[in-house]
Structure formats: C-alpha cells, structure tokens
Amino acid sequence: MKSFKIFLILLFGAATISVTSCGWKPSDEEVKQLEETRAAALSAEQTLADKKVEKQDLEAKVAAKKAELAKIKADKESVQQHVEQTNAQ
C-alpha cells in the first residue's frame, strides 16, 4: 500500500510536469531570432548552390582552355617539323 502511494505521487508529479511544460510559448524575440536564423540558412544554401554553378562554369572554361592549349602546342610542333624539313632540303 505504501509503495502504491509513492507510485501515485510520482505519477501525479510526472503528469504535472508534463502538463505545465507543454504550455511553454516562445517569446516574440525568440520567434524573430528563429526566423532570422532560418532566413540566414536559406541564404547560405542559395549562395552554396550559386557557387557550385559558378565552379562548374569555371571548370568548363579551364577544360576548354586546356584543350585550346593542347591544340596550339600540336600546331606549333607541326610547324616546327615543317620548318625543319624545309631547312633540311
């Protein structure tokens, strides 16, 4: 019987705590801070997406320049061989 009373008291205490904790409402300042944080997170995500697109564009430009350089080097080599052949004759 004594343990049953202790159990009921603990149960009542737990129920009281859970009921009162559900009634918490954030202050206007906390809501404003949450909205600012959310806006900053969305802005950061958008900036990240923009930078990824920019990175892909720059990587494509680098690849194009490397291909152009390789073509120019091949052309230069071809011209040098032609000049050497002409000079050898």
N, C-alpha and C. Protein backbone atom coordinates (compact mmCIF):
# COMPACT_ATOMS: atom_id res chain seq x y z
N MET A 1 0.83 -1.19 0.00
CA MET A 1 0.00 0.00 0.00
C MET A 1 0.87 1.25 0.00
N LYS A 2 1.96 1.20 0.78
CA LYS A 2 2.85 2.35 0.86
C LYS A 2 3.53 2.59 -0.49
N SER A 3 3.96 1.54 -1.14
CA SER A 3 4.60 1.68 -2.45
C SER A 3 3.61 2.18 -3.49
N PHE A 4 2.34 1.79 -3.33
CA PHE A 4 1.31 2.27 -4.26
C PHE A 4 1.12 3.77 -4.12
N LYS A 5 1.15 4.30 -2.89
CA LYS A 5 1.01 5.73 -2.66
C LYS A 5 2.21 6.48 -3.27
N ILE A 6 3.39 5.94 -3.09
CA ILE A 6 4.59 6.57 -3.65
C ILE A 6 4.48 6.58 -5.18
N PHE A 7 4.01 5.47 -5.73
CA PHE A 7 3.84 5.39 -7.17
C PHE A 7 2.84 6.43 -7.66
N LEU A 8 1.71 6.59 -6.95
CA LEU A 8 0.72 7.58 -7.34
C LEU A 8 1.28 9.00 -7.24
N ILE A 9 2.05 9.28 -6.20
CA ILE A 9 2.63 10.62 -6.03
C ILE A 9 3.62 10.90 -7.17
N LEU A 10 4.45 9.93 -7.48
CA LEU A 10 5.39 10.11 -8.58
C LEU A 10 4.66 10.27 -9.92
N LEU A 11 3.61 9.49 -10.12
CA LEU A 11 2.83 9.59 -11.34
C LEU A 11 2.17 10.96 -11.43
N PHE A 12 1.60 11.43 -10.34
CA PHE A 12 0.97 12.75 -10.31
C PHE A 12 2.02 13.85 -10.59
N GLY A 13 3.19 13.72 -10.00
CA GLY A 13 4.26 14.70 -10.22
C GLY A 13 4.71 14.72 -11.67
N ALA A 14 4.87 13.56 -12.26
CA ALA A 14 5.27 13.48 -13.66
C ALA A 14 4.20 14.06 -14.57
N ALA A 15 2.94 13.79 -14.28
CA ALA A 15 1.84 14.32 -15.08
C ALA A 15 1.79 15.84 -14.96
N THR A 16 2.01 16.36 -13.76
CA THR A 16 2.00 17.81 -13.55
C THR A 16 3.13 18.47 -14.33
N ILE A 17 4.30 17.89 -14.30
CA ILE A 17 5.44 18.45 -15.03
C ILE A 17 5.19 18.43 -16.52
N SER A 18 4.65 17.33 -17.02
CA SER A 18 4.43 17.22 -18.46
C SER A 18 3.34 18.18 -18.93
N VAL A 19 2.31 18.40 -18.11
CA VAL A 19 1.23 19.32 -18.49
C VAL A 19 1.73 20.75 -18.48
N THR A 20 2.52 21.13 -17.49
CA THR A 20 3.00 22.51 -17.42
C THR A 20 4.07 22.79 -18.45
N SER A 21 4.84 21.78 -18.83
CA SER A 21 5.89 22.02 -19.82
C SER A 21 5.31 22.18 -21.22
N CYS A 22 4.16 21.66 -21.50
CA CYS A 22 3.54 21.79 -22.81
C CYS A 22 2.99 23.19 -23.04
N GLY A 23 2.81 23.95 -21.98
CA GLY A 23 2.25 25.27 -22.10
C GLY A 23 3.27 26.34 -22.43
N TRP A 24 4.53 25.98 -22.65
CA TRP A 24 5.57 26.96 -22.95
C TRP A 24 5.36 27.54 -24.32
N LYS A 25 5.49 28.85 -24.42
CA LYS A 25 5.34 29.53 -25.69
C LYS A 25 6.56 30.41 -25.90
N PRO A 26 7.18 30.35 -27.08
CA PRO A 26 8.37 31.17 -27.31
C PRO A 26 8.00 32.66 -27.32
N SER A 27 8.94 33.46 -26.88
CA SER A 27 8.71 34.90 -26.87
C SER A 27 8.83 35.44 -28.29
N ASP A 28 8.37 36.67 -28.47
CA ASP A 28 8.46 37.30 -29.78
C ASP A 28 9.91 37.41 -30.23
N GLU A 29 10.80 37.69 -29.29
CA GLU A 29 12.22 37.80 -29.63
C GLU A 29 12.78 36.46 -30.10
N GLU A 30 12.37 35.38 -29.44
CA GLU A 30 12.83 34.05 -29.83
C GLU A 30 12.29 33.68 -31.22
N VAL A 31 11.05 34.04 -31.50
CA VAL A 31 10.47 33.77 -32.81
C VAL A 31 11.21 34.56 -33.88
N LYS A 32 11.49 35.84 -33.59
CA LYS A 32 12.21 36.69 -34.52
C LYS A 32 13.60 36.13 -34.79
N GLN A 33 14.28 35.69 -33.72
CA GLN A 33 15.62 35.12 -33.87
C GLN A 33 15.56 33.84 -34.70
N LEU A 34 14.56 33.02 -34.49
CA LEU A 34 14.40 31.79 -35.27
C LEU A 34 14.17 32.10 -36.75
N GLU A 35 13.33 33.10 -37.03
CA GLU A 35 13.08 33.49 -38.41
C GLU A 35 14.34 34.03 -39.08
N GLU A 36 15.12 34.83 -38.33
CA GLU A 36 16.37 35.35 -38.87
C GLU A 36 17.35 34.23 -39.15
N THR A 37 17.41 33.26 -38.26
CA THR A 37 18.30 32.12 -38.45
C THR A 37 17.87 31.30 -39.66
N ARG A 38 16.57 31.11 -39.81
CA ARG A 38 16.04 30.37 -40.95
C ARG A 38 16.37 31.11 -42.25
N ALA A 39 16.19 32.43 -42.25
CA ALA A 39 16.49 33.23 -43.45
C ALA A 39 17.98 33.15 -43.78
N ALA A 40 18.82 33.21 -42.76
CA ALA A 40 20.26 33.11 -42.98
C ALA A 40 20.63 31.74 -43.55
N ALA A 41 20.00 30.70 -43.05
CA ALA A 41 20.28 29.34 -43.55
C ALA A 41 19.85 29.21 -45.01
N LEU A 42 18.68 29.74 -45.33
CA LEU A 42 18.22 29.67 -46.73
C LEU A 42 19.14 30.47 -47.64
N SER A 43 19.58 31.62 -47.17
CA SER A 43 20.51 32.44 -47.95
C SER A 43 21.83 31.71 -48.17
N ALA A 44 22.32 31.06 -47.12
CA ALA A 44 23.57 30.31 -47.24
C ALA A 44 23.42 29.15 -48.22
N GLU A 45 22.29 28.47 -48.18
CA GLU A 45 22.05 27.37 -49.12
C GLU A 45 22.00 27.88 -50.56
N GLN A 46 21.37 29.03 -50.77
CA GLN A 46 21.30 29.61 -52.12
C GLN A 46 22.69 30.02 -52.59
N THR A 47 23.48 30.63 -51.69
CA THR A 47 24.84 31.02 -52.04
C THR A 47 25.67 29.80 -52.41
N LEU A 48 25.51 28.73 -51.65
CA LEU A 48 26.23 27.49 -51.95
C LEU A 48 25.85 26.96 -53.34
N ALA A 49 24.56 26.96 -53.64
CA ALA A 49 24.11 26.49 -54.95
C ALA A 49 24.69 27.37 -56.06
N ASP A 50 24.68 28.69 -55.85
CA ASP A 50 25.24 29.61 -56.85
C ASP A 50 26.73 29.35 -57.05
N LYS A 51 27.44 29.13 -55.96
CA LYS A 51 28.89 28.90 -56.05
C LYS A 51 29.19 27.57 -56.74
N LYS A 52 28.35 26.57 -56.54
CA LYS A 52 28.55 25.29 -57.23
C LYS A 52 28.38 25.46 -58.73
N VAL A 53 27.37 26.24 -59.13
CA VAL A 53 27.16 26.50 -60.56
C VAL A 53 28.35 27.28 -61.12
N GLU A 54 28.81 28.28 -60.37
CA GLU A 54 29.96 29.06 -60.80
C GLU A 54 31.21 28.18 -60.93
N LYS A 55 31.39 27.26 -59.99
CA LYS A 55 32.54 26.35 -60.04
C LYS A 55 32.49 25.48 -61.28
N GLN A 56 31.30 24.94 -61.59
CA GLN A 56 31.16 24.11 -62.78
C GLN A 56 31.47 24.92 -64.05
N ASP A 57 31.02 26.16 -64.09
CA ASP A 57 31.28 27.02 -65.24
C ASP A 57 32.78 27.26 -65.38
N LEU A 58 33.44 27.57 -64.27
CA LEU A 58 34.88 27.82 -64.33
C LEU A 58 35.66 26.57 -64.71
N GLU A 59 35.24 25.41 -64.20
CA GLU A 59 35.90 24.15 -64.57
C GLU A 59 35.74 23.88 -66.07
N ALA A 60 34.56 24.20 -66.63
CA ALA A 60 34.35 24.01 -68.07
C ALA A 60 35.25 24.95 -68.86
N LYS A 61 35.40 26.19 -68.38
CA LYS A 61 36.27 27.14 -69.06
C LYS A 61 37.74 26.69 -69.01
N VAL A 62 38.15 26.17 -67.86
CA VAL A 62 39.52 25.66 -67.72
C VAL A 62 39.75 24.50 -68.68
N ALA A 63 38.79 23.60 -68.76
CA ALA A 63 38.92 22.45 -69.67
C ALA A 63 39.01 22.93 -71.12
N ALA A 64 38.22 23.93 -71.47
CA ALA A 64 38.27 24.47 -72.84
C ALA A 64 39.62 25.11 -73.11
N LYS A 65 40.15 25.84 -72.16
CA LYS A 65 41.46 26.47 -72.34
C LYS A 65 42.57 25.43 -72.44
N LYS A 66 42.46 24.35 -71.66
CA LYS A 66 43.46 23.29 -71.75
C LYS A 66 43.41 22.62 -73.11
N ALA A 67 42.22 22.41 -73.63
CA ALA A 67 42.07 21.80 -74.96
C ALA A 67 42.64 22.74 -76.02
N GLU A 68 42.37 24.04 -75.88
CA GLU A 68 42.91 25.01 -76.83
C GLU A 68 44.44 25.03 -76.77
N LEU A 69 45.00 24.97 -75.56
CA LEU A 69 46.45 24.95 -75.40
C LEU A 69 47.06 23.71 -76.05
N ALA A 70 46.43 22.57 -75.84
CA ALA A 70 46.93 21.33 -76.45
C ALA A 70 46.91 21.43 -77.97
N LYS A 71 45.86 22.01 -78.54
CA LYS A 71 45.78 22.18 -80.00
C LYS A 71 46.87 23.12 -80.49
N ILE A 72 47.10 24.21 -79.77
CA ILE A 72 48.13 25.16 -80.17
C ILE A 72 49.51 24.52 -80.10
N LYS A 73 49.75 23.74 -79.06
CA LYS A 73 51.04 23.04 -78.95
C LYS A 73 51.23 22.07 -80.10
N ALA A 74 50.17 21.36 -80.47
CA ALA A 74 50.25 20.42 -81.59
C ALA A 74 50.52 21.17 -82.89
N ASP A 75 49.84 22.30 -83.08
CA ASP A 75 50.08 23.12 -84.27
C ASP A 75 51.51 23.63 -84.31
N LYS A 76 52.01 24.06 -83.17
CA LYS A 76 53.39 24.56 -83.08
C LYS A 76 54.38 23.46 -83.45
N GLU A 77 54.16 22.29 -82.93
CA GLU A 77 55.04 21.15 -83.23
C GLU A 77 55.01 20.83 -84.72
N SER A 78 53.82 20.88 -85.31
CA SER A 78 53.67 20.61 -86.74
C SER A 78 54.43 21.65 -87.57
N VAL A 79 54.31 22.91 -87.17
CA VAL A 79 55.01 23.98 -87.89
C VAL A 79 56.52 23.81 -87.74
N GLN A 80 56.99 23.48 -86.54
CA GLN A 80 58.43 23.28 -86.33
C GLN A 80 58.96 22.14 -87.19
N GLN A 81 58.21 21.05 -87.27
CA GLN A 81 58.64 19.93 -88.11
C GLN A 81 58.68 20.34 -89.58
N HIS A 82 57.71 21.10 -90.01
CA HIS A 82 57.68 21.57 -91.40
C HIS A 82 58.86 22.47 -91.69
N VAL A 83 59.20 23.36 -90.74
CA VAL A 83 60.34 24.26 -90.92
C VAL A 83 61.63 23.44 -90.97
N GLU A 84 61.76 22.46 -90.12
CA GLU A 84 62.99 21.62 -90.11
C GLU A 84 63.11 20.85 -91.43
N GLN A 85 62.00 20.36 -91.95
CA GLN A 85 62.03 19.65 -93.23
C GLN A 85 62.40 20.58 -94.37
N THR A 86 61.88 21.77 -94.31
CA THR A 86 62.18 22.75 -95.38
C THR A 86 63.63 23.15 -95.31
N ASN A 87 64.19 23.35 -94.12
CA ASN A 87 65.58 23.72 -93.96
C ASN A 87 66.53 22.57 -94.33
N ALA A 88 66.11 21.36 -94.17
CA ALA A 88 66.92 20.19 -94.47
C ALA A 88 67.05 19.98 -95.97
N GLN A 89 66.15 20.48 -96.74
CA GLN A 89 66.17 20.26 -98.19
C GLN A 89 67.06 21.26 -98.80
